PDB file of N, CA and C in Angstrom:
ATOM      1  N   UNK A   1     -13.189 -15.924   9.713  1.00  0.00           N
ATOM      2  CA  UNK A   1     -11.991 -15.288  10.230  1.00  0.00           C
ATOM      3  C   UNK A   1     -11.454 -14.341   9.162  1.00  0.00           C
ATOM      4  N   UNK A   2     -11.356 -13.064   9.493  1.00  0.00           N
ATOM      5  CA  UNK A   2     -10.822 -12.053   8.587  1.00  0.00           C
ATOM      6  C   UNK A   2      -9.311 -11.997   8.756  1.00  0.00           C
ATOM      7  N   UNK A   3      -8.593 -12.222   7.676  1.00  0.00           N
ATOM      8  CA  UNK A   3      -7.131 -12.251   7.725  1.00  0.00           C
ATOM      9  C   UNK A   3      -6.587 -10.939   7.173  1.00  0.00           C
ATOM     10  N   UNK A   4      -5.631 -10.375   7.891  1.00  0.00           N
ATOM     11  CA  UNK A   4      -4.953  -9.148   7.473  1.00  0.00           C
ATOM     12  C   UNK A   4      -3.476  -9.459   7.257  1.00  0.00           C
ATOM     13  N   UNK A   5      -2.886  -8.790   6.279  1.00  0.00           N
ATOM     14  CA  UNK A   5      -1.437  -8.810   6.117  1.00  0.00           C
ATOM     15  C   UNK A   5      -0.955  -7.510   6.721  1.00  0.00           C
ATOM     16  N   UNK A   6      -0.165  -7.602   7.795  1.00  0.00           N
ATOM     17  CA  UNK A   6       0.222  -6.404   8.522  1.00  0.00           C
ATOM     18  C   UNK A   6       1.620  -6.536   9.081  1.00  0.00           C
ATOM     19  N   UNK A   7       2.082  -5.470   9.748  1.00  0.00           N
ATOM     20  CA  UNK A   7       3.414  -5.440  10.328  1.00  0.00           C
ATOM     21  C   UNK A   7       3.354  -5.826  11.801  1.00  0.00           C
ATOM     22  N   UNK A   8       4.323  -6.636  12.235  1.00  0.00           N
ATOM     23  CA  UNK A   8       4.499  -6.967  13.643  1.00  0.00           C
ATOM     24  C   UNK A   8       5.845  -6.386  14.064  1.00  0.00           C
ATOM     25  N   UNK A   9       5.859  -5.577  15.119  1.00  0.00           N
ATOM     26  CA  UNK A   9       7.077  -4.859  15.509  1.00  0.00           C
ATOM     27  C   UNK A   9       8.008  -5.749  16.313  1.00  0.00           C
ATOM     28  N   UNK A  10       9.282  -5.707  15.929  1.00  0.00           N
ATOM     29  CA  UNK A  10      10.352  -6.381  16.660  1.00  0.00           C
ATOM     30  C   UNK A  10      11.452  -5.352  16.897  1.00  0.00           C
ATOM     31  N   UNK A  11      12.567  -5.778  17.430  1.00  0.00           N
ATOM     32  CA  UNK A  11      13.681  -4.863  17.666  1.00  0.00           C
ATOM     33  C   UNK A  11      13.563  -4.223  19.028  1.00  0.00           C
ATOM     34  N   UNK A  12      14.526  -3.376  19.313  1.00  0.00           N
ATOM     35  CA  UNK A  12      14.524  -2.729  20.626  1.00  0.00           C
ATOM     36  C   UNK A  12      14.095  -1.272  20.493  1.00  0.00           C
ATOM     37  N   UNK A  13      14.142  -0.575  21.580  1.00  0.00           N
ATOM     38  CA  UNK A  13      13.699   0.809  21.633  1.00  0.00           C
ATOM     39  C   UNK A  13      14.526   1.662  20.661  1.00  0.00           C
ATOM     40  N   UNK A  14      13.837   2.461  19.868  1.00  0.00           N
ATOM     41  CA  UNK A  14      14.432   3.332  18.855  1.00  0.00           C
ATOM     42  C   UNK A  14      15.150   2.593  17.736  1.00  0.00           C
ATOM     43  N   UNK A  15      14.997   1.287  17.628  1.00  0.00           N
ATOM     44  CA  UNK A  15      15.575   0.490  16.550  1.00  0.00           C
ATOM     45  C   UNK A  15      14.503  -0.471  16.036  1.00  0.00           C
ATOM     46  N   UNK A  16      13.445   0.081  15.498  1.00  0.00           N
ATOM     47  CA  UNK A  16      12.303  -0.724  15.071  1.00  0.00           C
ATOM     48  C   UNK A  16      12.679  -1.617  13.887  1.00  0.00           C
ATOM     49  N   UNK A  17      12.122  -2.809  13.897  1.00  0.00           N
ATOM     50  CA  UNK A  17      12.288  -3.782  12.835  1.00  0.00           C
ATOM     51  C   UNK A  17      10.950  -4.499  12.749  1.00  0.00           C
ATOM     52  N   UNK A  18      10.453  -4.717  11.556  1.00  0.00           N
ATOM     53  CA  UNK A  18       9.110  -5.275  11.416  1.00  0.00           C
ATOM     54  C   UNK A  18       9.127  -6.566  10.636  1.00  0.00           C
ATOM     55  N   UNK A  19       8.250  -7.478  11.017  1.00  0.00           N
ATOM     56  CA  UNK A  19       7.956  -8.661  10.219  1.00  0.00           C
ATOM     57  C   UNK A  19       6.632  -8.416   9.507  1.00  0.00           C
ATOM     58  N   UNK A  20       6.545  -8.831   8.269  1.00  0.00           N
ATOM     59  CA  UNK A  20       5.282  -8.778   7.537  1.00  0.00           C
ATOM     60  C   UNK A  20       4.625 -10.129   7.756  1.00  0.00           C
ATOM     61  N   UNK A  21       3.449 -10.123   8.386  1.00  0.00           N
ATOM     62  CA  UNK A  21       2.802 -11.365   8.780  1.00  0.00           C
ATOM     63  C   UNK A  21       1.354 -11.400   8.297  1.00  0.00           C
ATOM     64  N   UNK A  22       0.840 -12.612   8.157  1.00  0.00           N
ATOM     65  CA  UNK A  22      -0.587 -12.831   7.946  1.00  0.00           C
ATOM     66  C   UNK A  22      -1.161 -13.192   9.310  1.00  0.00           C
ATOM     67  N   UNK A  23      -2.152 -12.418   9.763  1.00  0.00           N
ATOM     68  CA  UNK A  23      -2.702 -12.624  11.101  1.00  0.00           C
ATOM     69  C   UNK A  23      -4.199 -12.385  11.082  1.00  0.00           C
ATOM     70  N   UNK A  24      -4.883 -12.985  12.042  1.00  0.00           N
ATOM     71  CA  UNK A  24      -6.306 -12.727  12.238  1.00  0.00           C
ATOM     72  C   UNK A  24      -6.463 -11.265  12.646  1.00  0.00           C
ATOM     73  N   UNK A  25      -7.492 -10.607  12.132  1.00  0.00           N
ATOM     74  CA  UNK A  25      -7.656  -9.174  12.375  1.00  0.00           C
ATOM     75  C   UNK A  25      -7.963  -8.855  13.838  1.00  0.00           C
ATOM     76  N   UNK A  26      -8.373  -9.841  14.626  1.00  0.00           N
ATOM     77  CA  UNK A  26      -8.737  -9.588  16.017  1.00  0.00           C
ATOM     78  C   UNK A  26      -7.568  -9.769  16.984  1.00  0.00           C
ATOM     79  N   UNK A  27      -6.443 -10.294  16.523  1.00  0.00           N
ATOM     80  CA  UNK A  27      -5.304 -10.500  17.410  1.00  0.00           C
ATOM     81  C   UNK A  27      -4.516  -9.200  17.566  1.00  0.00           C
ATOM     82  N   UNK A  28      -3.774  -9.034  18.670  1.00  0.00           N
ATOM     83  CA  UNK A  28      -2.972  -7.826  18.857  1.00  0.00           C
ATOM     84  C   UNK A  28      -1.865  -7.711  17.813  1.00  0.00           C
ATOM     85  N   UNK A  29      -1.286  -6.522  17.711  1.00  0.00           N
ATOM     86  CA  UNK A  29      -0.257  -6.249  16.698  1.00  0.00           C
ATOM     87  C   UNK A  29       0.907  -7.226  16.794  1.00  0.00           C
ATOM     88  N   UNK A  30       1.406  -7.463  17.997  1.00  0.00           N
ATOM     89  CA  UNK A  30       2.552  -8.346  18.175  1.00  0.00           C
ATOM     90  C   UNK A  30       2.141  -9.726  18.680  1.00  0.00           C
ATOM     91  N   UNK A  31       0.864 -10.062  18.544  1.00  0.00           N
ATOM     92  CA  UNK A  31       0.361 -11.330  19.046  1.00  0.00           C
ATOM     93  C   UNK A  31       0.576 -12.474  18.074  1.00  0.00           C
ATOM     94  N   UNK A  32      -0.253 -13.479  18.236  1.00  0.00           N
ATOM     95  CA  UNK A  32      -0.149 -14.688  17.433  1.00  0.00           C
ATOM     96  C   UNK A  32      -0.419 -14.370  15.961  1.00  0.00           C
ATOM     97  N   UNK A  33       0.373 -14.954  15.085  1.00  0.00           N
ATOM     98  CA  UNK A  33       0.180 -14.764  13.655  1.00  0.00           C
ATOM     99  C   UNK A  33       0.076 -16.117  12.969  1.00  0.00           C
ATOM    100  N   UNK A  34      -0.465 -16.123  11.773  1.00  0.00           N
ATOM    101  CA  UNK A  34      -0.638 -17.368  11.032  1.00  0.00           C
ATOM    102  C   UNK A  34       0.632 -17.759  10.288  1.00  0.00           C
ATOM    103  N   UNK A  35       1.287 -16.788   9.668  1.00  0.00           N
ATOM    104  CA  UNK A  35       2.479 -17.085   8.890  1.00  0.00           C
ATOM    105  C   UNK A  35       3.316 -15.819   8.710  1.00  0.00           C
ATOM    106  N   UNK A  36       4.629 -15.985   8.705  1.00  0.00           N
ATOM    107  CA  UNK A  36       5.541 -14.871   8.453  1.00  0.00           C
ATOM    108  C   UNK A  36       5.783 -14.803   6.947  1.00  0.00           C
ATOM    109  N   UNK A  37       5.553 -13.614   6.357  1.00  0.00           N
ATOM    110  CA  UNK A  37       5.672 -13.448   4.911  1.00  0.00           C
ATOM    111  C   UNK A  37       6.950 -12.718   4.505  1.00  0.00           C
ATOM    112  N   UNK A  38       7.579 -12.018   5.430  1.00  0.00           N
ATOM    113  CA  UNK A  38       8.795 -11.289   5.098  1.00  0.00           C
ATOM    114  C   UNK A  38       9.182 -10.357   6.219  1.00  0.00           C
ATOM    115  N   UNK A  39      10.059  -9.399   5.899  1.00  0.00           N
ATOM    116  CA  UNK A  39      10.505  -8.439   6.892  1.00  0.00           C
ATOM    117  C   UNK A  39      10.647  -7.070   6.246  1.00  0.00           C
ATOM    118  N   UNK A  40      10.672  -6.032   7.087  1.00  0.00           N
ATOM    119  CA  UNK A  40      10.847  -4.654   6.648  1.00  0.00           C
ATOM    120  C   UNK A  40      11.656  -3.918   7.701  1.00  0.00           C
ATOM    121  N   UNK A  41      12.776  -3.321   7.270  1.00  0.00           N
ATOM    122  CA  UNK A  41      13.630  -2.554   8.168  1.00  0.00           C
ATOM    123  C   UNK A  41      13.645  -1.103   7.704  1.00  0.00           C
ATOM    124  N   UNK A  42      12.874  -0.212   8.344  1.00  0.00           N
ATOM    125  CA  UNK A  42      12.809   1.185   7.891  1.00  0.00           C
ATOM    126  C   UNK A  42      14.094   1.967   8.131  1.00  0.00           C
ATOM    127  N   UNK A  43      14.997   1.471   8.962  1.00  0.00           N
ATOM    128  CA  UNK A  43      16.222   2.194   9.263  1.00  0.00           C
ATOM    129  C   UNK A  43      17.358   1.869   8.300  1.00  0.00           C
ATOM    130  N   UNK A  44      17.215   0.842   7.489  1.00  0.00           N
ATOM    131  CA  UNK A  44      18.252   0.497   6.511  1.00  0.00           C
ATOM    132  C   UNK A  44      18.226   1.512   5.370  1.00  0.00           C
ATOM    133  N   UNK A  45      19.333   1.592   4.639  1.00  0.00           N
ATOM    134  CA  UNK A  45      19.419   2.536   3.519  1.00  0.00           C
ATOM    135  C   UNK A  45      18.421   2.143   2.436  1.00  0.00           C
ATOM    136  N   UNK A  46      17.984   3.138   1.636  1.00  0.00           N
ATOM    137  CA  UNK A  46      16.933   2.899   0.642  1.00  0.00           C
ATOM    138  C   UNK A  46      17.288   1.814  -0.363  1.00  0.00           C
ATOM    139  N   UNK A  47      18.517   1.769  -0.836  1.00  0.00           N
ATOM    140  CA  UNK A  47      18.900   0.788  -1.845  1.00  0.00           C
ATOM    141  C   UNK A  47      19.405  -0.519  -1.263  1.00  0.00           C
ATOM    142  N   UNK A  48      19.441  -0.629   0.050  1.00  0.00           N
ATOM    143  CA  UNK A  48      19.995  -1.799   0.716  1.00  0.00           C
ATOM    144  C   UNK A  48      19.065  -3.001   0.554  1.00  0.00           C
ATOM    145  N   UNK A  49      19.652  -4.180   0.310  1.00  0.00           N
ATOM    146  CA  UNK A  49      18.858  -5.404   0.153  1.00  0.00           C
ATOM    147  C   UNK A  49      18.247  -5.840   1.478  1.00  0.00           C
ATOM    148  N   UNK A  50      18.827  -5.384   2.596  1.00  0.00           N
ATOM    149  CA  UNK A  50      18.303  -5.771   3.910  1.00  0.00           C
ATOM    150  C   UNK A  50      17.131  -4.908   4.348  1.00  0.00           C
ATOM    151  N   UNK A  51      16.686  -3.985   3.511  1.00  0.00           N
ATOM    152  CA  UNK A  51      15.556  -3.119   3.873  1.00  0.00           C
ATOM    153  C   UNK A  51      14.233  -3.863   3.773  1.00  0.00           C
ATOM    154  N   UNK A  52      14.095  -4.712   2.766  1.00  0.00           N
ATOM    155  CA  UNK A  52      12.835  -5.409   2.529  1.00  0.00           C
ATOM    156  C   UNK A  52      13.106  -6.812   2.019  1.00  0.00           C
ATOM    157  N   UNK A  53      12.431  -7.768   2.585  1.00  0.00           N
ATOM    158  CA  UNK A  53      12.512  -9.145   2.121  1.00  0.00           C
ATOM    159  C   UNK A  53      11.122  -9.749   2.147  1.00  0.00           C
ATOM    160  N   UNK A  54      10.691 -10.302   1.021  1.00  0.00           N
ATOM    161  CA  UNK A  54       9.348 -10.878   0.919  1.00  0.00           C
ATOM    162  C   UNK A  54       9.416 -12.269   0.324  1.00  0.00           C
ATOM    163  N   UNK A  55       8.574 -13.154   0.831  1.00  0.00           N
ATOM    164  CA  UNK A  55       8.362 -14.440   0.192  1.00  0.00           C
ATOM    165  C   UNK A  55       7.187 -14.234  -0.769  1.00  0.00           C
ATOM    166  N   UNK A  56       7.503 -14.024  -2.033  1.00  0.00           N
ATOM    167  CA  UNK A  56       6.514 -13.604  -3.031  1.00  0.00           C
ATOM    168  C   UNK A  56       5.396 -14.642  -3.176  1.00  0.00           C
ATOM    169  N   UNK A  57       5.745 -15.925  -3.158  1.00  0.00           N
ATOM    170  CA  UNK A  57       4.726 -16.968  -3.318  1.00  0.00           C
ATOM    171  C   UNK A  57       3.715 -16.939  -2.179  1.00  0.00           C
ATOM    172  N   UNK A  58       4.207 -16.762  -0.948  1.00  0.00           N
ATOM    173  CA  UNK A  58       3.286 -16.714   0.192  1.00  0.00           C
ATOM    174  C   UNK A  58       2.407 -15.472   0.156  1.00  0.00           C
ATOM    175  N   UNK A  59       2.966 -14.331  -0.233  1.00  0.00           N
ATOM    176  CA  UNK A  59       2.170 -13.101  -0.307  1.00  0.00           C
ATOM    177  C   UNK A  59       1.074 -13.256  -1.355  1.00  0.00           C
ATOM    178  N   UNK A  60       1.419 -13.792  -2.523  1.00  0.00           N
ATOM    179  CA  UNK A  60       0.417 -13.994  -3.578  1.00  0.00           C
ATOM    180  C   UNK A  60      -0.664 -14.978  -3.124  1.00  0.00           C
ATOM    181  N   UNK A  61      -0.258 -16.015  -2.383  1.00  0.00           N
ATOM    182  CA  UNK A  61      -1.247 -16.979  -1.893  1.00  0.00           C
ATOM    183  C   UNK A  61      -2.239 -16.306  -0.954  1.00  0.00           C
ATOM    184  N   UNK A  62      -1.736 -15.545   0.035  1.00  0.00           N
ATOM    185  CA  UNK A  62      -2.632 -14.921   1.004  1.00  0.00           C
ATOM    186  C   UNK A  62      -3.522 -13.877   0.359  1.00  0.00           C
ATOM    187  N   UNK A  63      -2.996 -13.169  -0.635  1.00  0.00           N
ATOM    188  CA  UNK A  63      -3.850 -12.210  -1.350  1.00  0.00           C
ATOM    189  C   UNK A  63      -4.922 -12.940  -2.158  1.00  0.00           C
ATOM    190  N   UNK A  64      -4.590 -14.110  -2.704  1.00  0.00           N
ATOM    191  CA  UNK A  64      -5.559 -14.852  -3.520  1.00  0.00           C
ATOM    192  C   UNK A  64      -6.686 -15.442  -2.682  1.00  0.00           C
ATOM    193  N   UNK A  65      -6.422 -15.753  -1.412  1.00  0.00           N
ATOM    194  CA  UNK A  65      -7.479 -16.314  -0.564  1.00  0.00           C
ATOM    195  C   UNK A  65      -8.262 -15.231   0.173  1.00  0.00           C
ATOM    196  N   UNK A  66      -7.944 -13.951  -0.079  1.00  0.00           N
ATOM    197  CA  UNK A  66      -8.773 -12.880   0.449  1.00  0.00           C
ATOM    198  C   UNK A  66      -8.193 -12.090   1.599  1.00  0.00           C
ATOM    199  N   UNK A  67      -6.919 -12.263   1.917  1.00  0.00           N
ATOM    200  CA  UNK A  67      -6.316 -11.473   2.994  1.00  0.00           C
ATOM    201  C   UNK A  67      -6.197 -10.023   2.540  1.00  0.00           C
ATOM    202  N   UNK A  68      -6.526  -9.096   3.436  1.00  0.00           N
ATOM    203  CA  UNK A  68      -6.496  -7.671   3.129  1.00  0.00           C
ATOM    204  C   UNK A  68      -5.246  -7.038   3.736  1.00  0.00           C
ATOM    205  N   UNK A  69      -4.382  -6.411   2.918  1.00  0.00           N
ATOM    206  CA  UNK A  69      -3.222  -5.733   3.498  1.00  0.00           C
ATOM    207  C   UNK A  69      -3.621  -4.420   4.150  1.00  0.00           C
ATOM    208  N   UNK A  70      -2.907  -4.053   5.198  1.00  0.00           N
ATOM    209  CA  UNK A  70      -3.129  -2.751   5.814  1.00  0.00           C
ATOM    210  C   UNK A  70      -2.569  -1.681   4.886  1.00  0.00           C
ATOM    211  N   UNK A  71      -2.825  -0.414   5.199  1.00  0.00           N
ATOM    212  CA  UNK A  71      -2.375   0.676   4.329  1.00  0.00           C
ATOM    213  C   UNK A  71      -0.857   0.689   4.180  1.00  0.00           C
ATOM    214  N   UNK A  72      -0.137   0.494   5.277  1.00  0.00           N
ATOM    215  CA  UNK A  72       1.321   0.510   5.224  1.00  0.00           C
ATOM    216  C   UNK A  72       1.849  -0.650   4.391  1.00  0.00           C
ATOM    217  N   UNK A  73       1.306  -1.835   4.614  1.00  0.00           N
ATOM    218  CA  UNK A  73       1.753  -3.008   3.864  1.00  0.00           C
ATOM    219  C   UNK A  73       1.343  -2.885   2.403  1.00  0.00           C
ATOM    220  N   UNK A  74       0.196  -2.271   2.131  1.00  0.00           N
ATOM    221  CA  UNK A  74      -0.218  -2.056   0.741  1.00  0.00           C
ATOM    222  C   UNK A  74       0.813  -1.192   0.003  1.00  0.00           C
ATOM    223  N   UNK A  75       1.322  -0.156   0.667  1.00  0.00           N
ATOM    224  CA  UNK A  75       2.356   0.672   0.065  1.00  0.00           C
ATOM    225  C   UNK A  75       3.639  -0.103  -0.185  1.00  0.00           C
ATOM    226  N   UNK A  76       4.023  -0.953   0.756  1.00  0.00           N
ATOM    227  CA  UNK A  76       5.220  -1.778   0.588  1.00  0.00           C
ATOM    228  C   UNK A  76       5.047  -2.738  -0.579  1.00  0.00           C
ATOM    229  N   UNK A  77       3.866  -3.360  -0.669  1.00  0.00           N
ATOM    230  CA  UNK A  77       3.619  -4.313  -1.757  1.00  0.00           C
ATOM    231  C   UNK A  77       3.535  -3.617  -3.111  1.00  0.00           C
ATOM    232  N   UNK A  78       3.034  -2.384  -3.141  1.00  0.00           N
ATOM    233  CA  UNK A  78       3.004  -1.634  -4.406  1.00  0.00           C
ATOM    234  C   UNK A  78       4.420  -1.312  -4.865  1.00  0.00           C
ATOM    235  N   UNK A  79       5.288  -0.885  -3.935  1.00  0.00           N
ATOM    236  CA  UNK A  79       6.671  -0.589  -4.297  1.00  0.00           C
ATOM    237  C   UNK A  79       7.410  -1.847  -4.735  1.00  0.00           C
ATOM    238  N   UNK A  80       7.024  -3.007  -4.195  1.00  0.00           N
ATOM    239  CA  UNK A  80       7.658  -4.270  -4.580  1.00  0.00           C
ATOM    240  C   UNK A  80       7.082  -4.804  -5.887  1.00  0.00           C
ATOM    241  N   UNK A  81       5.965  -4.234  -6.363  1.00  0.00           N
ATOM    242  CA  UNK A  81       5.370  -4.656  -7.621  1.00  0.00           C
ATOM    243  C   UNK A  81       4.438  -5.846  -7.515  1.00  0.00           C
ATOM    244  N   UNK A  82       3.961  -6.162  -6.311  1.00  0.00           N
ATOM    245  CA  UNK A  82       3.078  -7.309  -6.141  1.00  0.00           C
ATOM    246  C   UNK A  82       1.606  -6.969  -6.314  1.00  0.00           C
ATOM    247  N   UNK A  83       1.225  -5.724  -6.068  1.00  0.00           N
ATOM    248  CA  UNK A  83      -0.145  -5.300  -6.318  1.00  0.00           C
ATOM    249  C   UNK A  83      -0.113  -4.012  -7.127  1.00  0.00           C
ATOM    250  N   UNK A  84      -1.172  -3.782  -7.858  1.00  0.00           N
ATOM    251  CA  UNK A  84      -1.266  -2.585  -8.683  1.00  0.00           C
ATOM    252  C   UNK A  84      -1.712  -1.394  -7.845  1.00  0.00           C
ATOM    253  N   UNK A  85      -1.228  -0.196  -8.168  1.00  0.00           N
ATOM    254  CA  UNK A  85      -1.701   0.990  -7.451  1.00  0.00           C
ATOM    255  C   UNK A  85      -3.161   1.262  -7.787  1.00  0.00           C
ATOM    256  N   UNK A  86      -3.879   1.960  -6.920  1.00  0.00           N
ATOM    257  CA  UNK A  86      -5.277   2.261  -7.208  1.00  0.00           C
ATOM    258  C   UNK A  86      -5.388   3.168  -8.424  1.00  0.00           C
ATOM    259  N   UNK A  87      -6.488   3.081  -9.163  1.00  0.00           N
ATOM    260  CA  UNK A  87      -6.635   3.928 -10.349  1.00  0.00           C
ATOM    261  C   UNK A  87      -6.711   5.401  -9.966  1.00  0.00           C
ATOM    262  N   UNK A  88      -6.191   6.242 -10.849  1.00  0.00           N
ATOM    263  CA  UNK A  88      -6.218   7.685 -10.619  1.00  0.00           C
ATOM    264  C   UNK A  88      -7.627   8.201 -10.877  1.00  0.00           C
ATOM    265  N   UNK A  89      -8.110   9.050 -10.003  1.00  0.00           N
ATOM    266  CA  UNK A  89      -9.432   9.636 -10.146  1.00  0.00           C
ATOM    267  C   UNK A  89      -9.250  11.039 -10.728  1.00  0.00           C
ATOM    268  N   UNK A  90      -9.935  11.301 -11.834  1.00  0.00           N
ATOM    269  CA  UNK A  90      -9.851  12.616 -12.457  1.00  0.00           C
ATOM    270  C   UNK A  90     -10.948  13.476 -11.860  1.00  0.00           C
ATOM    271  N   UNK A  91     -10.531  14.579 -11.276  1.00  0.00           N
ATOM    272  CA  UNK A  91     -11.495  15.489 -10.657  1.00  0.00           C
ATOM    273  C   UNK A  91     -12.159  16.330 -11.736  1.00  0.00           C
ATOM    274  N   UNK A  92     -13.355  16.792 -11.477  1.00  0.00           N
ATOM    275  CA  UNK A  92     -14.084  17.630 -12.422  1.00  0.00           C
ATOM    276  C   UNK A  92     -13.420  18.986 -12.590  1.00  0.00           C
ATOM    277  N   UNK A  93     -13.696  19.626 -13.703  1.00  0.00           N
ATOM    278  CA  UNK A  93     -13.110  20.935 -13.964  1.00  0.00           C
ATOM    279  C   UNK A  93     -13.874  22.000 -13.183  1.00  0.00           C
ATOM    280  N   UNK A  94     -13.178  23.089 -12.884  1.00  0.00           N
ATOM    281  CA  UNK A  94     -13.838  24.204 -12.208  1.00  0.00           C
ATOM    282  C   UNK A  94     -14.812  24.856 -13.176  1.00  0.00           C
ATOM    283  N   UNK A  95     -15.816  25.470 -12.625  1.00  0.00           N
ATOM    284  CA  UNK A  95     -16.815  26.131 -13.465  1.00  0.00           C
ATOM    285  C   UNK A  95     -16.154  27.242 -14.266  1.00  0.00           C
ATOM    286  N   UNK A  96     -16.460  27.249 -15.502  1.00  0.00           N
ATOM    287  CA  UNK A  96     -15.936  28.268 -16.390  1.00  0.00           C
ATOM    288  C   UNK A  96     -16.995  28.570 -17.429  1.00  0.00           C
ATOM    289  N   UNK A  97     -16.650  29.338 -18.431  1.00  0.00           N
ATOM    290  CA  UNK A  97     -17.638  29.628 -19.469  1.00  0.00           C
ATOM    291  C   UNK A  97     -18.022  28.348 -20.197  1.00  0.00           C
ATOM    292  N   UNK A  98     -19.297  28.138 -20.316  1.00  0.00           N
ATOM    293  CA  UNK A  98     -19.755  26.946 -21.027  1.00  0.00           C
ATOM    294  C   UNK A  98     -19.740  27.219 -22.518  1.00  0.00           C
ATOM    295  N   UNK A  99     -19.575  26.177 -23.273  1.00  0.00           N
ATOM    296  CA  UNK A  99     -19.567  26.329 -24.720  1.00  0.00           C
ATOM    297  C   UNK A  99     -18.150  26.281 -25.271  1.00  0.00           C
ATOM    298  N   UNK A 100     -17.994  26.730 -26.493  1.00  0.00           N
ATOM    299  CA  UNK A 100     -16.726  26.679 -27.190  1.00  0.00           C
ATOM    300  C   UNK A 100     -15.848  27.851 -26.758  1.00  0.00           C
ATOM    301  N   UNK A 101     -14.710  27.554 -26.151  1.00  0.00           N
ATOM    302  CA  UNK A 101     -13.793  28.608 -25.704  1.00  0.00           C
ATOM    303  C   UNK A 101     -12.591  28.738 -26.617  1.00  0.00           C
ATOM    304  N   UNK A 102     -12.601  28.018 -27.745  1.00  0.00           N
ATOM    305  CA  UNK A 102     -11.435  28.068 -28.634  1.00  0.00           C
ATOM    306  C   UNK A 102     -11.391  29.378 -29.430  1.00  0.00           C
ATOM    307  N   UNK A 103     -12.537  30.045 -29.639  1.00  0.00           N
ATOM    308  CA  UNK A 103     -12.582  31.276 -30.421  1.00  0.00           C
ATOM    309  C   UNK A 103     -13.144  32.387 -29.530  1.00  0.00           C
ATOM    310  N   UNK A 104     -12.299  33.243 -28.923  1.00  0.00           N
ATOM    311  CA  UNK A 104     -12.806  34.280 -28.008  1.00  0.00           C
ATOM    312  C   UNK A 104     -13.639  35.353 -28.702  1.00  0.00           C
ATOM    313  N   UNK A 105     -13.375  35.641 -29.983  1.00  0.00           N
ATOM    314  CA  UNK A 105     -14.152  36.672 -30.696  1.00  0.00           C
ATOM    315  C   UNK A 105     -15.615  36.256 -30.823  1.00  0.00           C
ATOM    316  N   UNK A 106     -15.809  34.983 -31.011  1.00  0.00           N
ATOM    317  CA  UNK A 106     -17.180  34.459 -31.144  1.00  0.00           C
ATOM    318  C   UNK A 106     -17.946  34.640 -29.833  1.00  0.00           C
ATOM    319  N   UNK A 107     -17.247  34.475 -28.690  1.00  0.00           N
ATOM    320  CA  UNK A 107     -17.898  34.630 -27.395  1.00  0.00           C
ATOM    321  C   UNK A 107     -18.293  36.082 -27.146  1.00  0.00           C
ATOM    322  N   UNK A 108     -17.501  37.049 -27.640  1.00  0.00           N
ATOM    323  CA  UNK A 108     -17.793  38.473 -27.418  1.00  0.00           C
ATOM    324  C   UNK A 108     -19.036  38.888 -28.179  1.00  0.00           C
ATOM    325  N   UNK A 109     -19.198  38.389 -29.398  1.00  0.00           N
ATOM    326  CA  UNK A 109     -20.324  38.795 -30.241  1.00  0.00           C
ATOM    327  C   UNK A 109     -21.636  38.217 -29.771  1.00  0.00           C
ATOM    328  N   UNK A 110     -21.604  37.195 -28.962  1.00  0.00           N
ATOM    329  CA  UNK A 110     -22.857  36.557 -28.542  1.00  0.00           C
ATOM    330  C   UNK A 110     -23.594  37.359 -27.544  1.00  0.00           C
TER     331      UNK A 110
END
């Protein structure tokens, strides 16, 4: 059974409210879940305590047993400091003159 940590939508029309749940990946979005891990209210103010609530011990437990967070929940958990952000990938440099570019006079004489 593949377990996902994802959002389950609650609330009424145009007033979305989400629960962060651990659920089997094959169940519907608002279907049966294994455990409620917290809540997320996107309409609350950014600094408001009612915007996000997590049971940190339960989230760490589900991550330790192999539950995979969805992209949205991964962002929420990164902002909460529970998981590390992915490493930055350094892109290659654009093609330019090869060799030592610190001395332009040397390049002209070659």
